[in-house]
């Protein structure tokens, strides 16, 4: 499940992060030209935004008992979801925990979340 920046460069898609010097592209493959090791099994290359084919943000969305949610994390058979419908009473009826004012989240079984799909913002 993805939730973060991505970039498409030279026909491949990478996890990415913006910076003033360009986009930081990350890969788990160490044999890519121009990528440097930043941690064990993690490699980075900085590319100018003008050289990218695409740069954006992606989230994973779905539905919990018919209500819209965003997936924040996953662990084994569990998903951490956040209600995105904008109606507190509905979030409370779903049994979600109030995380902050107007923000409702909870861990739910993966099987409870339907229509999982990526949304590019």
N, C-alpha and C. Protein backbone atom coordinates (compact mmCIF):
# COMPACT_ATOMS: atom_id res chain seq x y z
N UNK A 1 0.85 -1.17 0.00
CA UNK A 1 0.00 0.00 0.00
C UNK A 1 0.90 1.24 0.00
N UNK A 2 0.64 2.10 -0.93
CA UNK A 2 1.50 3.28 -1.05
C UNK A 2 0.82 4.52 -0.51
N UNK A 3 1.65 5.39 0.07
CA UNK A 3 1.21 6.70 0.55
C UNK A 3 2.45 7.58 0.58
N UNK A 4 2.68 8.31 -0.49
CA UNK A 4 3.85 9.16 -0.53
C UNK A 4 4.15 9.68 -1.92
N UNK A 5 5.25 10.41 -2.03
CA UNK A 5 5.66 10.97 -3.31
C UNK A 5 6.20 9.88 -4.22
N UNK A 6 6.01 10.07 -5.51
CA UNK A 6 6.57 9.18 -6.51
C UNK A 6 7.06 10.03 -7.68
N UNK A 7 7.95 9.46 -8.48
CA UNK A 7 8.42 10.12 -9.69
C UNK A 7 8.58 9.08 -10.79
N UNK A 8 8.28 9.48 -12.01
CA UNK A 8 8.54 8.65 -13.18
C UNK A 8 9.69 9.30 -13.94
N UNK A 9 10.74 8.50 -14.16
CA UNK A 9 11.94 9.00 -14.83
C UNK A 9 12.49 7.90 -15.72
N UNK A 10 12.72 8.22 -16.97
CA UNK A 10 13.28 7.28 -17.95
C UNK A 10 12.49 5.97 -18.00
N UNK A 11 11.17 6.08 -17.93
CA UNK A 11 10.31 4.91 -18.08
C UNK A 11 10.10 4.07 -16.84
N UNK A 12 10.71 4.45 -15.72
CA UNK A 12 10.55 3.68 -14.48
C UNK A 12 9.96 4.59 -13.40
N UNK A 13 9.24 3.98 -12.47
CA UNK A 13 8.65 4.74 -11.37
C UNK A 13 9.43 4.47 -10.10
N UNK A 14 9.65 5.53 -9.33
CA UNK A 14 10.44 5.45 -8.10
C UNK A 14 9.70 6.11 -6.94
N UNK A 15 9.97 5.62 -5.74
CA UNK A 15 9.61 6.37 -4.55
C UNK A 15 10.44 7.64 -4.61
N UNK A 16 9.89 8.76 -4.19
CA UNK A 16 10.60 10.02 -4.36
C UNK A 16 10.38 10.95 -3.17
N UNK A 17 11.20 11.99 -3.13
CA UNK A 17 11.05 13.05 -2.13
C UNK A 17 11.50 14.36 -2.78
N UNK A 18 10.74 15.42 -2.59
CA UNK A 18 11.15 16.71 -3.17
C UNK A 18 12.21 17.38 -2.32
N UNK A 19 13.07 18.15 -2.97
CA UNK A 19 14.03 18.99 -2.26
C UNK A 19 14.33 20.19 -3.14
N UNK A 20 15.02 21.16 -2.59
CA UNK A 20 15.34 22.36 -3.37
C UNK A 20 16.30 22.04 -4.52
N UNK A 21 17.04 20.94 -4.40
CA UNK A 21 18.00 20.56 -5.44
C UNK A 21 17.43 19.64 -6.50
N UNK A 22 16.17 19.27 -6.38
CA UNK A 22 15.55 18.35 -7.33
C UNK A 22 14.83 17.24 -6.59
N UNK A 23 14.44 16.23 -7.33
CA UNK A 23 13.73 15.10 -6.72
C UNK A 23 14.74 14.03 -6.32
N UNK A 24 14.60 13.53 -5.11
CA UNK A 24 15.40 12.39 -4.67
C UNK A 24 14.64 11.14 -5.07
N UNK A 25 15.24 10.32 -5.92
CA UNK A 25 14.63 9.06 -6.36
C UNK A 25 15.25 7.93 -5.55
N UNK A 26 14.43 7.00 -5.07
CA UNK A 26 14.92 5.91 -4.24
C UNK A 26 14.63 4.57 -4.90
N UNK A 27 15.58 3.65 -4.76
CA UNK A 27 15.45 2.32 -5.33
C UNK A 27 16.05 1.29 -4.38
N UNK A 28 15.57 0.08 -4.48
CA UNK A 28 16.16 -1.03 -3.73
C UNK A 28 17.21 -1.77 -4.54
N UNK A 29 17.39 -1.37 -5.80
CA UNK A 29 18.36 -2.00 -6.69
C UNK A 29 19.66 -1.21 -6.68
N UNK A 30 20.78 -1.90 -6.42
CA UNK A 30 22.06 -1.23 -6.31
C UNK A 30 22.82 -1.07 -7.61
N UNK A 31 22.36 -1.68 -8.69
CA UNK A 31 23.13 -1.64 -9.93
C UNK A 31 22.62 -0.59 -10.92
N UNK A 32 21.83 0.36 -10.47
CA UNK A 32 21.33 1.41 -11.35
C UNK A 32 22.37 2.53 -11.47
N UNK A 33 22.71 2.93 -12.68
CA UNK A 33 23.73 3.98 -12.87
C UNK A 33 23.33 5.29 -12.19
N UNK A 34 24.29 5.87 -11.48
CA UNK A 34 24.08 7.17 -10.85
C UNK A 34 23.43 7.13 -9.49
N UNK A 35 22.99 5.95 -9.03
CA UNK A 35 22.39 5.83 -7.71
C UNK A 35 23.50 5.52 -6.70
N UNK A 36 23.41 6.13 -5.52
CA UNK A 36 24.40 5.90 -4.47
C UNK A 36 23.72 5.27 -3.26
N UNK A 37 24.45 4.44 -2.56
CA UNK A 37 23.92 3.78 -1.37
C UNK A 37 23.72 4.81 -0.26
N UNK A 38 22.53 4.79 0.35
CA UNK A 38 22.26 5.67 1.49
C UNK A 38 21.97 4.85 2.73
N UNK A 39 21.68 3.58 2.56
CA UNK A 39 21.47 2.62 3.65
C UNK A 39 21.54 1.24 3.02
N UNK A 40 21.59 0.24 3.85
CA UNK A 40 21.64 -1.13 3.34
C UNK A 40 20.40 -1.41 2.50
N UNK A 41 20.60 -1.71 1.22
CA UNK A 41 19.50 -2.02 0.33
C UNK A 41 18.68 -0.83 -0.11
N UNK A 42 19.21 0.38 0.08
CA UNK A 42 18.48 1.61 -0.31
C UNK A 42 19.45 2.53 -1.04
N UNK A 43 19.03 2.96 -2.24
CA UNK A 43 19.88 3.75 -3.10
C UNK A 43 19.14 5.00 -3.56
N UNK A 44 19.90 6.09 -3.77
CA UNK A 44 19.28 7.37 -4.09
C UNK A 44 20.02 8.05 -5.25
N UNK A 45 19.23 8.72 -6.05
CA UNK A 45 19.79 9.59 -7.09
C UNK A 45 18.97 10.87 -7.10
N UNK A 46 19.64 12.01 -7.23
CA UNK A 46 18.95 13.29 -7.29
C UNK A 46 18.84 13.69 -8.76
N UNK A 47 17.61 13.99 -9.18
CA UNK A 47 17.31 14.32 -10.57
C UNK A 47 16.57 15.66 -10.60
N UNK A 48 16.91 16.49 -11.55
CA UNK A 48 16.23 17.77 -11.72
C UNK A 48 14.75 17.53 -12.03
N UNK A 49 13.88 18.35 -11.48
CA UNK A 49 12.44 18.22 -11.76
C UNK A 49 12.15 18.30 -13.26
N UNK A 50 12.92 19.11 -13.97
CA UNK A 50 12.68 19.27 -15.42
C UNK A 50 13.01 18.01 -16.20
N UNK A 51 13.79 17.10 -15.63
CA UNK A 51 14.13 15.84 -16.30
C UNK A 51 13.13 14.73 -16.02
N UNK A 52 12.20 14.95 -15.11
CA UNK A 52 11.23 13.92 -14.75
C UNK A 52 10.08 13.88 -15.75
N UNK A 53 9.55 12.69 -15.98
CA UNK A 53 8.35 12.53 -16.80
C UNK A 53 7.11 12.87 -15.98
N UNK A 54 7.18 12.62 -14.67
CA UNK A 54 6.02 12.85 -13.80
C UNK A 54 6.51 12.93 -12.36
N UNK A 55 5.85 13.75 -11.56
CA UNK A 55 6.13 13.82 -10.13
C UNK A 55 4.80 14.08 -9.43
N UNK A 56 4.51 13.32 -8.39
CA UNK A 56 3.25 13.52 -7.70
C UNK A 56 3.18 12.78 -6.39
N UNK A 57 1.98 12.66 -5.88
CA UNK A 57 1.72 12.00 -4.61
C UNK A 57 0.67 10.92 -4.85
N UNK A 58 0.85 9.77 -4.23
CA UNK A 58 -0.08 8.67 -4.39
C UNK A 58 -0.55 8.20 -3.02
N UNK A 59 -1.84 7.88 -2.92
CA UNK A 59 -2.39 7.29 -1.70
C UNK A 59 -3.13 6.02 -2.09
N UNK A 60 -3.40 5.19 -1.10
CA UNK A 60 -4.26 4.03 -1.30
C UNK A 60 -5.57 4.32 -0.60
N UNK A 61 -6.66 4.19 -1.34
CA UNK A 61 -7.99 4.46 -0.81
C UNK A 61 -8.84 3.21 -0.90
N UNK A 62 -9.95 3.23 -0.19
CA UNK A 62 -10.88 2.12 -0.23
C UNK A 62 -12.16 2.49 0.50
N UNK A 63 -12.92 1.48 0.86
CA UNK A 63 -14.18 1.70 1.57
C UNK A 63 -14.27 0.76 2.76
N UNK A 64 -14.71 1.30 3.89
CA UNK A 64 -14.96 0.53 5.10
C UNK A 64 -16.46 0.57 5.34
N UNK A 65 -17.10 -0.57 5.17
CA UNK A 65 -18.56 -0.66 5.30
C UNK A 65 -19.26 0.46 4.50
N UNK A 66 -18.78 0.66 3.28
CA UNK A 66 -19.39 1.63 2.38
C UNK A 66 -18.93 3.07 2.54
N UNK A 67 -18.10 3.35 3.53
CA UNK A 67 -17.63 4.72 3.77
C UNK A 67 -16.18 4.87 3.28
N UNK A 68 -15.83 6.03 2.73
CA UNK A 68 -14.49 6.22 2.16
C UNK A 68 -13.40 6.33 3.22
N UNK A 69 -12.28 5.63 2.96
CA UNK A 69 -11.13 5.68 3.85
C UNK A 69 -9.85 5.76 3.03
N UNK A 70 -8.82 6.23 3.69
CA UNK A 70 -7.46 6.26 3.16
C UNK A 70 -6.64 5.29 3.99
N UNK A 71 -5.79 4.48 3.35
CA UNK A 71 -4.94 3.54 4.07
C UNK A 71 -3.64 4.25 4.44
N UNK A 72 -3.34 4.26 5.74
CA UNK A 72 -2.13 4.93 6.23
C UNK A 72 -0.98 3.96 6.43
N UNK A 73 -1.29 2.71 6.80
CA UNK A 73 -0.25 1.72 7.07
C UNK A 73 -0.86 0.33 7.00
N UNK A 74 0.02 -0.66 6.95
CA UNK A 74 -0.44 -2.04 6.99
C UNK A 74 0.51 -2.85 7.86
N UNK A 75 -0.04 -3.84 8.54
CA UNK A 75 0.75 -4.75 9.35
C UNK A 75 0.03 -6.10 9.37
N UNK A 76 0.69 -7.08 8.76
CA UNK A 76 0.11 -8.41 8.63
C UNK A 76 -1.29 -8.31 8.03
N UNK A 77 -2.33 -8.75 8.74
CA UNK A 77 -3.68 -8.71 8.17
C UNK A 77 -4.45 -7.44 8.54
N UNK A 78 -3.75 -6.47 9.11
CA UNK A 78 -4.38 -5.23 9.57
C UNK A 78 -4.03 -4.05 8.69
N UNK A 79 -4.98 -3.12 8.56
CA UNK A 79 -4.74 -1.85 7.87
C UNK A 79 -5.08 -0.71 8.83
N UNK A 80 -4.23 0.30 8.84
CA UNK A 80 -4.52 1.53 9.58
C UNK A 80 -5.24 2.45 8.60
N UNK A 81 -6.49 2.79 8.89
CA UNK A 81 -7.28 3.60 7.97
C UNK A 81 -7.70 4.91 8.62
N UNK A 82 -7.95 5.89 7.74
CA UNK A 82 -8.47 7.18 8.17
C UNK A 82 -9.71 7.48 7.35
N UNK A 83 -10.78 7.83 8.03
CA UNK A 83 -12.04 8.17 7.38
C UNK A 83 -11.87 9.47 6.61
N UNK A 84 -12.34 9.50 5.36
CA UNK A 84 -12.19 10.69 4.52
C UNK A 84 -13.52 11.28 4.07
N UNK A 85 -14.61 10.85 4.68
CA UNK A 85 -15.93 11.30 4.26
C UNK A 85 -16.36 12.63 4.81
N UNK A 86 -15.66 13.16 5.81
CA UNK A 86 -15.96 14.49 6.32
C UNK A 86 -17.17 14.59 7.23
N UNK A 87 -17.69 13.48 7.72
CA UNK A 87 -18.87 13.51 8.60
C UNK A 87 -18.55 12.72 9.87
N UNK A 88 -18.28 13.44 10.94
CA UNK A 88 -17.88 12.82 12.21
C UNK A 88 -18.86 11.76 12.70
N UNK A 89 -20.17 11.98 12.65
CA UNK A 89 -21.09 10.95 13.14
C UNK A 89 -20.94 9.61 12.40
N UNK A 90 -20.66 9.67 11.10
CA UNK A 90 -20.47 8.43 10.35
C UNK A 90 -19.18 7.74 10.77
N UNK A 91 -18.12 8.51 10.98
CA UNK A 91 -16.86 7.93 11.44
C UNK A 91 -17.03 7.27 12.80
N UNK A 92 -17.79 7.92 13.67
CA UNK A 92 -18.04 7.36 15.00
C UNK A 92 -18.87 6.08 14.90
N UNK A 93 -19.86 6.04 13.99
CA UNK A 93 -20.66 4.83 13.80
C UNK A 93 -19.81 3.67 13.29
N UNK A 94 -18.75 3.99 12.55
CA UNK A 94 -17.84 2.94 12.08
C UNK A 94 -16.99 2.38 13.21
N UNK A 95 -16.98 3.07 14.36
CA UNK A 95 -16.17 2.64 15.49
C UNK A 95 -14.73 3.11 15.43
N UNK A 96 -14.46 4.11 14.60
CA UNK A 96 -13.10 4.63 14.48
C UNK A 96 -12.78 5.53 15.67
N UNK A 97 -11.50 5.59 16.02
CA UNK A 97 -11.04 6.41 17.13
C UNK A 97 -10.81 7.84 16.67
N UNK A 98 -11.22 8.80 17.50
CA UNK A 98 -10.94 10.20 17.18
C UNK A 98 -9.47 10.45 17.46
N UNK A 99 -8.72 10.71 16.41
CA UNK A 99 -7.29 10.93 16.50
C UNK A 99 -6.98 12.40 16.77
N UNK A 100 -7.79 13.27 16.19
CA UNK A 100 -7.65 14.71 16.33
C UNK A 100 -9.01 15.30 15.93
N UNK A 101 -9.15 16.59 16.06
CA UNK A 101 -10.43 17.21 15.68
C UNK A 101 -10.73 16.93 14.20
N UNK A 102 -11.82 16.22 13.96
CA UNK A 102 -12.23 15.89 12.60
C UNK A 102 -11.45 14.78 11.94
N UNK A 103 -10.55 14.13 12.68
CA UNK A 103 -9.72 13.05 12.13
C UNK A 103 -10.03 11.77 12.89
N UNK A 104 -10.47 10.75 12.15
CA UNK A 104 -10.84 9.47 12.75
C UNK A 104 -10.04 8.36 12.09
N UNK A 105 -9.34 7.57 12.93
CA UNK A 105 -8.49 6.50 12.44
C UNK A 105 -8.68 5.26 13.30
N UNK A 106 -8.26 4.13 12.75
CA UNK A 106 -8.27 2.89 13.52
C UNK A 106 -7.58 1.80 12.73
N UNK A 107 -7.18 0.73 13.43
CA UNK A 107 -6.70 -0.49 12.79
C UNK A 107 -7.91 -1.36 12.53
N UNK A 108 -8.04 -1.86 11.31
CA UNK A 108 -9.14 -2.76 10.95
C UNK A 108 -8.56 -3.93 10.16
N UNK A 109 -9.29 -5.03 10.17
CA UNK A 109 -8.86 -6.17 9.37
C UNK A 109 -8.89 -5.81 7.88
N UNK A 110 -7.89 -6.25 7.17
CA UNK A 110 -7.80 -5.99 5.73
C UNK A 110 -9.06 -6.45 5.01
N UNK A 111 -9.65 -7.54 5.46
CA UNK A 111 -10.84 -8.08 4.80
C UNK A 111 -12.05 -7.16 4.94
N UNK A 112 -12.01 -6.21 5.88
CA UNK A 112 -13.12 -5.27 6.06
C UNK A 112 -13.08 -4.11 5.06
N UNK A 113 -11.94 -3.91 4.43
CA UNK A 113 -11.77 -2.78 3.51
C UNK A 113 -11.93 -3.29 2.08
N UNK A 114 -12.87 -2.70 1.36
CA UNK A 114 -13.13 -3.11 -0.02
C UNK A 114 -12.68 -2.03 -0.99
N UNK A 115 -12.64 -2.38 -2.25
CA UNK A 115 -12.33 -1.44 -3.32
C UNK A 115 -11.00 -0.73 -3.11
N UNK A 116 -9.97 -1.46 -2.68
CA UNK A 116 -8.65 -0.85 -2.51
C UNK A 116 -8.11 -0.44 -3.87
N UNK A 117 -7.66 0.80 -3.96
CA UNK A 117 -7.10 1.30 -5.21
C UNK A 117 -6.20 2.50 -4.93
N UNK A 118 -5.27 2.75 -5.85
CA UNK A 118 -4.38 3.89 -5.72
C UNK A 118 -5.02 5.12 -6.34
N UNK A 119 -4.77 6.26 -5.72
CA UNK A 119 -5.24 7.55 -6.23
C UNK A 119 -4.01 8.45 -6.34
N UNK A 120 -3.79 8.96 -7.53
CA UNK A 120 -2.68 9.90 -7.74
C UNK A 120 -3.22 11.32 -7.58
N UNK A 121 -2.58 12.04 -6.69
CA UNK A 121 -3.01 13.41 -6.40
C UNK A 121 -2.15 14.42 -7.13
